[in-house]
């Protein structure tokens, strides 16, 4: 299972750079990232190489950060095949974004999603 960190930032110039500075200075690498704008705030969703360290550090500097489990679906196995399997299993994809080798998806039923993907030969990765 892959854990995602979501960080809530003011939607203004320089806030993303500050987040990236904190991570970079700590030697934490961003493996996948997506940003959603919600008016005056944005949500940065990311998968990093040192998850626990990053989460603690962000909270220590008073950034609103939380974690959720997500699936990393191999891009090599085909997005149509994966999305079709999830749809046929009744699994809703709440959001998705890409990494270099995977699509990160938040689903409403992780166990059912994994079972549906495995049944059609789509790999769920443990790391991005």
N, C-alpha and C. Protein backbone atom coordinates (compact mmCIF):
# COMPACT_ATOMS: atom_id res chain seq x y z
N UNK A 1 0.84 -1.18 0.00
CA UNK A 1 0.00 0.00 0.00
C UNK A 1 0.89 1.24 0.00
N UNK A 2 0.48 2.21 -0.76
CA UNK A 2 1.19 3.48 -0.85
C UNK A 2 0.44 4.49 0.02
N UNK A 3 1.19 5.29 0.76
CA UNK A 3 0.57 6.34 1.57
C UNK A 3 0.82 7.69 0.91
N UNK A 4 -0.22 8.47 0.84
CA UNK A 4 -0.17 9.80 0.25
C UNK A 4 -0.23 10.83 1.36
N UNK A 5 0.49 11.91 1.18
CA UNK A 5 0.41 13.05 2.09
C UNK A 5 -0.36 14.16 1.37
N UNK A 6 -1.36 14.70 2.03
CA UNK A 6 -2.09 15.85 1.52
C UNK A 6 -1.73 17.05 2.37
N UNK A 7 -1.36 18.15 1.72
CA UNK A 7 -0.98 19.38 2.42
C UNK A 7 -1.91 20.48 1.94
N UNK A 8 -2.47 21.22 2.88
CA UNK A 8 -3.36 22.33 2.56
C UNK A 8 -2.55 23.63 2.62
N UNK A 9 -2.52 24.34 1.50
CA UNK A 9 -1.73 25.57 1.41
C UNK A 9 -2.60 26.72 0.93
N UNK A 10 -2.27 27.92 1.40
CA UNK A 10 -2.93 29.10 0.85
C UNK A 10 -2.62 29.16 -0.63
N UNK A 11 -3.61 29.56 -1.40
CA UNK A 11 -3.45 29.67 -2.85
C UNK A 11 -2.86 31.04 -3.18
N UNK A 12 -1.53 31.16 -2.96
CA UNK A 12 -0.85 32.42 -3.25
C UNK A 12 0.60 32.12 -3.65
N UNK A 13 1.22 33.03 -4.38
CA UNK A 13 2.58 32.80 -4.86
C UNK A 13 3.56 32.49 -3.72
N UNK A 14 4.41 31.51 -3.97
CA UNK A 14 5.46 31.18 -3.03
C UNK A 14 5.17 30.07 -2.05
N UNK A 15 3.90 29.73 -1.85
CA UNK A 15 3.57 28.70 -0.86
C UNK A 15 4.04 27.31 -1.30
N UNK A 16 3.88 26.97 -2.58
CA UNK A 16 4.36 25.68 -3.05
C UNK A 16 5.88 25.62 -2.97
N UNK A 17 6.54 26.71 -3.31
CA UNK A 17 8.01 26.75 -3.22
C UNK A 17 8.46 26.52 -1.79
N UNK A 18 7.75 27.06 -0.83
CA UNK A 18 8.10 26.86 0.58
C UNK A 18 7.97 25.38 0.96
N UNK A 19 6.90 24.74 0.53
CA UNK A 19 6.71 23.32 0.79
C UNK A 19 7.85 22.51 0.17
N UNK A 20 8.18 22.80 -1.07
CA UNK A 20 9.24 22.06 -1.76
C UNK A 20 10.61 22.31 -1.12
N UNK A 21 10.84 23.53 -0.63
CA UNK A 21 12.10 23.85 0.05
C UNK A 21 12.26 23.00 1.31
N UNK A 22 11.20 22.91 2.09
CA UNK A 22 11.24 22.13 3.32
C UNK A 22 11.58 20.67 3.02
N UNK A 23 10.95 20.11 2.01
CA UNK A 23 11.21 18.72 1.65
C UNK A 23 12.62 18.54 1.11
N UNK A 24 13.02 19.41 0.21
CA UNK A 24 14.34 19.29 -0.42
C UNK A 24 15.47 19.43 0.60
N UNK A 25 15.35 20.39 1.51
CA UNK A 25 16.39 20.58 2.51
C UNK A 25 16.51 19.38 3.46
N UNK A 26 15.48 18.58 3.52
CA UNK A 26 15.50 17.39 4.37
C UNK A 26 15.84 16.12 3.58
N UNK A 27 16.14 16.27 2.32
CA UNK A 27 16.49 15.12 1.50
C UNK A 27 15.32 14.22 1.15
N UNK A 28 14.11 14.78 1.18
CA UNK A 28 12.91 14.01 0.86
C UNK A 28 12.55 14.26 -0.60
N UNK A 29 12.37 13.18 -1.35
CA UNK A 29 12.07 13.27 -2.78
C UNK A 29 10.59 13.04 -3.03
N UNK A 30 10.01 13.91 -3.85
CA UNK A 30 8.62 13.77 -4.27
C UNK A 30 8.60 12.79 -5.44
N UNK A 31 7.83 11.72 -5.32
CA UNK A 31 7.75 10.69 -6.35
C UNK A 31 6.54 10.88 -7.26
N UNK A 32 5.49 11.51 -6.74
CA UNK A 32 4.27 11.80 -7.51
C UNK A 32 3.59 12.97 -6.84
N UNK A 33 2.92 13.81 -7.64
CA UNK A 33 2.26 14.97 -7.05
C UNK A 33 1.12 15.45 -7.94
N UNK A 34 0.06 15.89 -7.28
CA UNK A 34 -1.06 16.53 -7.95
C UNK A 34 -1.53 17.68 -7.09
N UNK A 35 -2.06 18.72 -7.73
CA UNK A 35 -2.54 19.89 -6.99
C UNK A 35 -3.97 20.18 -7.42
N UNK A 36 -4.84 20.41 -6.44
CA UNK A 36 -6.22 20.79 -6.71
C UNK A 36 -6.47 22.14 -6.05
N UNK A 37 -7.03 23.04 -6.79
CA UNK A 37 -7.32 24.39 -6.28
C UNK A 37 -8.74 24.41 -5.73
N UNK A 38 -8.89 25.00 -4.55
CA UNK A 38 -10.22 25.08 -3.94
C UNK A 38 -10.52 26.51 -3.50
N UNK A 39 -10.27 27.47 -4.36
CA UNK A 39 -10.52 28.87 -4.01
C UNK A 39 -9.30 29.49 -3.36
N UNK A 40 -9.42 29.85 -2.08
CA UNK A 40 -8.31 30.51 -1.40
C UNK A 40 -7.26 29.53 -0.90
N UNK A 41 -7.55 28.23 -0.97
CA UNK A 41 -6.59 27.21 -0.57
C UNK A 41 -6.42 26.19 -1.69
N UNK A 42 -5.31 25.50 -1.65
CA UNK A 42 -5.05 24.42 -2.57
C UNK A 42 -4.71 23.18 -1.77
N UNK A 43 -4.90 22.02 -2.39
CA UNK A 43 -4.53 20.76 -1.78
C UNK A 43 -3.44 20.15 -2.64
N UNK A 44 -2.28 19.96 -2.03
CA UNK A 44 -1.16 19.30 -2.69
C UNK A 44 -1.16 17.86 -2.23
N UNK A 45 -1.37 16.95 -3.16
CA UNK A 45 -1.35 15.52 -2.84
C UNK A 45 -0.06 14.95 -3.39
N UNK A 46 0.67 14.22 -2.55
CA UNK A 46 1.97 13.73 -3.01
C UNK A 46 2.34 12.42 -2.35
N UNK A 47 3.17 11.68 -3.07
CA UNK A 47 3.80 10.47 -2.56
C UNK A 47 5.28 10.78 -2.51
N UNK A 48 5.90 10.53 -1.36
CA UNK A 48 7.32 10.85 -1.17
C UNK A 48 8.08 9.59 -0.77
N UNK A 49 9.40 9.68 -0.85
CA UNK A 49 10.22 8.50 -0.53
C UNK A 49 10.37 8.25 0.97
N UNK A 50 10.25 9.27 1.80
CA UNK A 50 10.38 9.11 3.26
C UNK A 50 9.10 9.64 3.90
N UNK A 51 8.08 8.84 3.81
CA UNK A 51 6.73 9.26 4.18
C UNK A 51 6.61 9.74 5.63
N UNK A 52 7.00 8.91 6.58
CA UNK A 52 6.83 9.26 8.00
C UNK A 52 7.63 10.50 8.37
N UNK A 53 8.85 10.58 7.87
CA UNK A 53 9.70 11.73 8.15
C UNK A 53 9.08 13.02 7.58
N UNK A 54 8.57 12.93 6.37
CA UNK A 54 7.95 14.10 5.74
C UNK A 54 6.72 14.56 6.51
N UNK A 55 5.87 13.63 6.88
CA UNK A 55 4.65 13.97 7.60
C UNK A 55 4.97 14.66 8.93
N UNK A 56 5.91 14.11 9.66
CA UNK A 56 6.30 14.71 10.94
C UNK A 56 6.87 16.10 10.74
N UNK A 57 7.74 16.24 9.76
CA UNK A 57 8.38 17.52 9.51
C UNK A 57 7.36 18.60 9.13
N UNK A 58 6.42 18.25 8.27
CA UNK A 58 5.41 19.21 7.85
C UNK A 58 4.54 19.65 9.02
N UNK A 59 4.19 18.71 9.85
CA UNK A 59 3.39 19.05 11.04
C UNK A 59 4.20 19.90 12.02
N UNK A 60 5.51 19.62 12.13
CA UNK A 60 6.38 20.39 13.03
C UNK A 60 6.48 21.86 12.62
N UNK A 61 6.34 22.14 11.32
CA UNK A 61 6.40 23.54 10.85
C UNK A 61 4.99 24.11 10.64
N UNK A 62 4.00 23.45 11.27
CA UNK A 62 2.61 23.92 11.28
C UNK A 62 1.94 23.96 9.91
N UNK A 63 2.32 23.04 9.04
CA UNK A 63 1.59 22.89 7.79
C UNK A 63 0.51 21.84 8.03
N UNK A 64 -0.69 22.12 7.57
CA UNK A 64 -1.80 21.18 7.73
C UNK A 64 -1.59 20.02 6.77
N UNK A 65 -1.20 18.87 7.33
CA UNK A 65 -0.89 17.70 6.50
C UNK A 65 -1.56 16.47 7.09
N UNK A 66 -2.07 15.61 6.21
CA UNK A 66 -2.62 14.34 6.66
C UNK A 66 -2.22 13.25 5.68
N UNK A 67 -2.54 12.02 6.00
CA UNK A 67 -2.18 10.91 5.14
C UNK A 67 -3.39 10.05 4.84
N UNK A 68 -3.38 9.45 3.66
CA UNK A 68 -4.42 8.50 3.27
C UNK A 68 -3.77 7.40 2.43
N UNK A 69 -4.34 6.20 2.49
CA UNK A 69 -3.83 5.15 1.61
C UNK A 69 -4.36 5.36 0.19
N UNK A 70 -3.51 5.09 -0.78
CA UNK A 70 -3.88 5.19 -2.19
C UNK A 70 -3.32 3.97 -2.91
N UNK A 71 -3.80 3.73 -4.09
CA UNK A 71 -3.27 2.65 -4.92
C UNK A 71 -2.36 3.25 -5.98
N UNK A 72 -1.27 2.57 -6.25
CA UNK A 72 -0.38 2.94 -7.36
C UNK A 72 -0.54 1.86 -8.41
N UNK A 73 -1.19 2.20 -9.49
CA UNK A 73 -1.49 1.24 -10.55
C UNK A 73 -0.45 1.38 -11.65
N UNK A 74 0.16 0.28 -12.02
CA UNK A 74 1.20 0.28 -13.04
C UNK A 74 0.68 0.85 -14.36
N UNK A 75 1.41 1.81 -14.92
CA UNK A 75 1.05 2.35 -16.23
C UNK A 75 1.25 1.33 -17.34
N UNK A 76 2.15 0.39 -17.12
CA UNK A 76 2.44 -0.62 -18.15
C UNK A 76 1.26 -1.54 -18.42
N UNK A 77 0.32 -1.64 -17.49
CA UNK A 77 -0.78 -2.58 -17.63
C UNK A 77 -2.03 -1.98 -18.29
N UNK A 78 -2.00 -0.71 -18.61
CA UNK A 78 -3.10 -0.09 -19.34
C UNK A 78 -4.15 0.55 -18.47
N UNK A 79 -4.38 1.82 -18.70
CA UNK A 79 -5.38 2.55 -17.92
C UNK A 79 -6.80 2.15 -18.27
N UNK A 80 -7.04 1.82 -19.53
CA UNK A 80 -8.39 1.38 -19.89
C UNK A 80 -8.73 0.10 -19.14
N UNK A 81 -7.82 -0.85 -19.16
CA UNK A 81 -8.02 -2.13 -18.49
C UNK A 81 -8.29 -1.92 -16.99
N UNK A 82 -7.51 -1.05 -16.37
CA UNK A 82 -7.66 -0.78 -14.94
C UNK A 82 -8.97 -0.08 -14.63
N UNK A 83 -9.26 0.99 -15.36
CA UNK A 83 -10.48 1.75 -15.08
C UNK A 83 -11.73 0.93 -15.39
N UNK A 84 -11.67 0.09 -16.42
CA UNK A 84 -12.80 -0.78 -16.75
C UNK A 84 -13.03 -1.78 -15.62
N UNK A 85 -11.96 -2.39 -15.12
CA UNK A 85 -12.09 -3.37 -14.02
C UNK A 85 -12.67 -2.73 -12.78
N UNK A 86 -12.22 -1.53 -12.45
CA UNK A 86 -12.75 -0.85 -11.27
C UNK A 86 -14.22 -0.49 -11.46
N UNK A 87 -14.56 0.02 -12.62
CA UNK A 87 -15.96 0.37 -12.90
C UNK A 87 -16.88 -0.83 -12.83
N UNK A 88 -16.44 -1.94 -13.41
CA UNK A 88 -17.26 -3.15 -13.40
C UNK A 88 -17.41 -3.73 -11.99
N UNK A 89 -16.43 -3.46 -11.13
CA UNK A 89 -16.51 -3.92 -9.73
C UNK A 89 -17.27 -2.94 -8.84
N UNK A 90 -17.73 -1.84 -9.42
CA UNK A 90 -18.47 -0.85 -8.64
C UNK A 90 -17.60 0.01 -7.76
N UNK A 91 -16.31 0.10 -8.08
CA UNK A 91 -15.37 0.91 -7.29
C UNK A 91 -15.29 2.31 -7.91
N UNK A 92 -15.53 3.31 -7.10
CA UNK A 92 -15.44 4.70 -7.57
C UNK A 92 -14.03 5.24 -7.40
N UNK A 93 -13.51 5.86 -8.45
CA UNK A 93 -12.22 6.55 -8.37
C UNK A 93 -12.52 7.98 -7.94
N UNK A 94 -12.07 8.36 -6.75
CA UNK A 94 -12.36 9.69 -6.22
C UNK A 94 -11.48 10.74 -6.85
N UNK A 95 -10.20 10.41 -7.10
CA UNK A 95 -9.30 11.28 -7.84
C UNK A 95 -8.09 10.48 -8.27
N UNK A 96 -7.32 11.03 -9.19
CA UNK A 96 -6.13 10.34 -9.69
C UNK A 96 -5.12 11.37 -10.17
N UNK A 97 -3.85 10.98 -10.14
CA UNK A 97 -2.77 11.78 -10.72
C UNK A 97 -1.63 10.83 -11.07
N UNK A 98 -0.70 11.29 -11.87
CA UNK A 98 0.32 10.36 -12.36
C UNK A 98 1.68 10.54 -11.70
N UNK A 99 2.43 9.46 -11.73
CA UNK A 99 3.84 9.42 -11.38
C UNK A 99 4.56 8.94 -12.64
N UNK A 100 5.86 8.77 -12.58
CA UNK A 100 6.56 8.35 -13.79
C UNK A 100 6.20 6.94 -14.22
N UNK A 101 5.87 6.07 -13.29
CA UNK A 101 5.60 4.67 -13.62
C UNK A 101 4.21 4.19 -13.21
N UNK A 102 3.39 5.10 -12.69
CA UNK A 102 2.11 4.65 -12.14
C UNK A 102 1.07 5.77 -12.18
N UNK A 103 -0.17 5.37 -12.00
CA UNK A 103 -1.25 6.31 -11.74
C UNK A 103 -1.63 6.10 -10.28
N UNK A 104 -1.65 7.18 -9.53
CA UNK A 104 -2.05 7.15 -8.13
C UNK A 104 -3.55 7.38 -8.09
N UNK A 105 -4.29 6.47 -7.47
CA UNK A 105 -5.74 6.62 -7.40
C UNK A 105 -6.23 6.47 -5.98
N UNK A 106 -7.17 7.31 -5.62
CA UNK A 106 -7.89 7.20 -4.35
C UNK A 106 -9.24 6.61 -4.70
N UNK A 107 -9.56 5.48 -4.09
CA UNK A 107 -10.80 4.78 -4.39
C UNK A 107 -11.66 4.68 -3.14
N UNK A 108 -12.92 4.39 -3.33
CA UNK A 108 -13.83 4.30 -2.19
C UNK A 108 -13.81 2.92 -1.51
N UNK A 109 -13.20 1.93 -2.14
CA UNK A 109 -13.12 0.59 -1.54
C UNK A 109 -11.82 -0.05 -1.99
N UNK A 110 -10.78 0.11 -1.17
CA UNK A 110 -9.45 -0.36 -1.55
C UNK A 110 -9.37 -1.88 -1.74
N UNK A 111 -9.97 -2.63 -0.85
CA UNK A 111 -9.91 -4.09 -0.94
C UNK A 111 -10.58 -4.59 -2.22
N UNK A 112 -11.77 -4.07 -2.51
CA UNK A 112 -12.48 -4.48 -3.72
C UNK A 112 -11.71 -4.05 -4.97
N UNK A 113 -11.08 -2.87 -4.90
CA UNK A 113 -10.30 -2.38 -6.03
C UNK A 113 -9.12 -3.29 -6.32
N UNK A 114 -8.38 -3.65 -5.27
CA UNK A 114 -7.23 -4.54 -5.45
C UNK A 114 -7.65 -5.87 -6.06
N UNK A 115 -8.73 -6.42 -5.56
CA UNK A 115 -9.22 -7.71 -6.06
C UNK A 115 -9.59 -7.61 -7.54
N UNK A 116 -10.28 -6.53 -7.91
CA UNK A 116 -10.71 -6.35 -9.30
C UNK A 116 -9.51 -6.17 -10.22
N UNK A 117 -8.52 -5.42 -9.78
CA UNK A 117 -7.33 -5.19 -10.61
C UNK A 117 -6.52 -6.47 -10.76
N UNK A 118 -6.34 -7.19 -9.68
CA UNK A 118 -5.59 -8.46 -9.74
C UNK A 118 -6.28 -9.46 -10.66
N UNK A 119 -7.60 -9.45 -10.67
CA UNK A 119 -8.35 -10.41 -11.48
C UNK A 119 -8.11 -10.21 -12.98
N UNK A 120 -7.78 -8.98 -13.38
CA UNK A 120 -7.52 -8.73 -14.81
C UNK A 120 -6.04 -8.55 -15.10
N UNK A 121 -5.19 -8.82 -14.12
CA UNK A 121 -3.75 -8.76 -14.35
C UNK A 121 -3.13 -7.39 -14.28
N UNK A 122 -3.78 -6.44 -13.62
CA UNK A 122 -3.23 -5.10 -13.45
C UNK A 122 -2.47 -5.07 -12.13
N UNK A 123 -1.20 -4.66 -12.19
CA UNK A 123 -0.36 -4.65 -10.99
C UNK A 123 -0.62 -3.42 -10.12
N UNK A 124 -0.77 -3.66 -8.84
CA UNK A 124 -0.83 -2.59 -7.85
C UNK A 124 0.55 -2.57 -7.19
N UNK A 125 1.25 -1.46 -7.34
CA UNK A 125 2.62 -1.34 -6.88
C UNK A 125 2.69 -1.01 -5.39
N UNK A 126 3.72 -1.48 -4.74
CA UNK A 126 3.94 -1.16 -3.32
C UNK A 126 4.72 0.14 -3.15
N UNK A 127 5.46 0.53 -4.18
CA UNK A 127 6.26 1.76 -4.14
C UNK A 127 6.18 2.46 -5.49
N UNK A 128 6.34 3.77 -5.45
CA UNK A 128 6.37 4.56 -6.69
C UNK A 128 7.78 4.99 -6.95
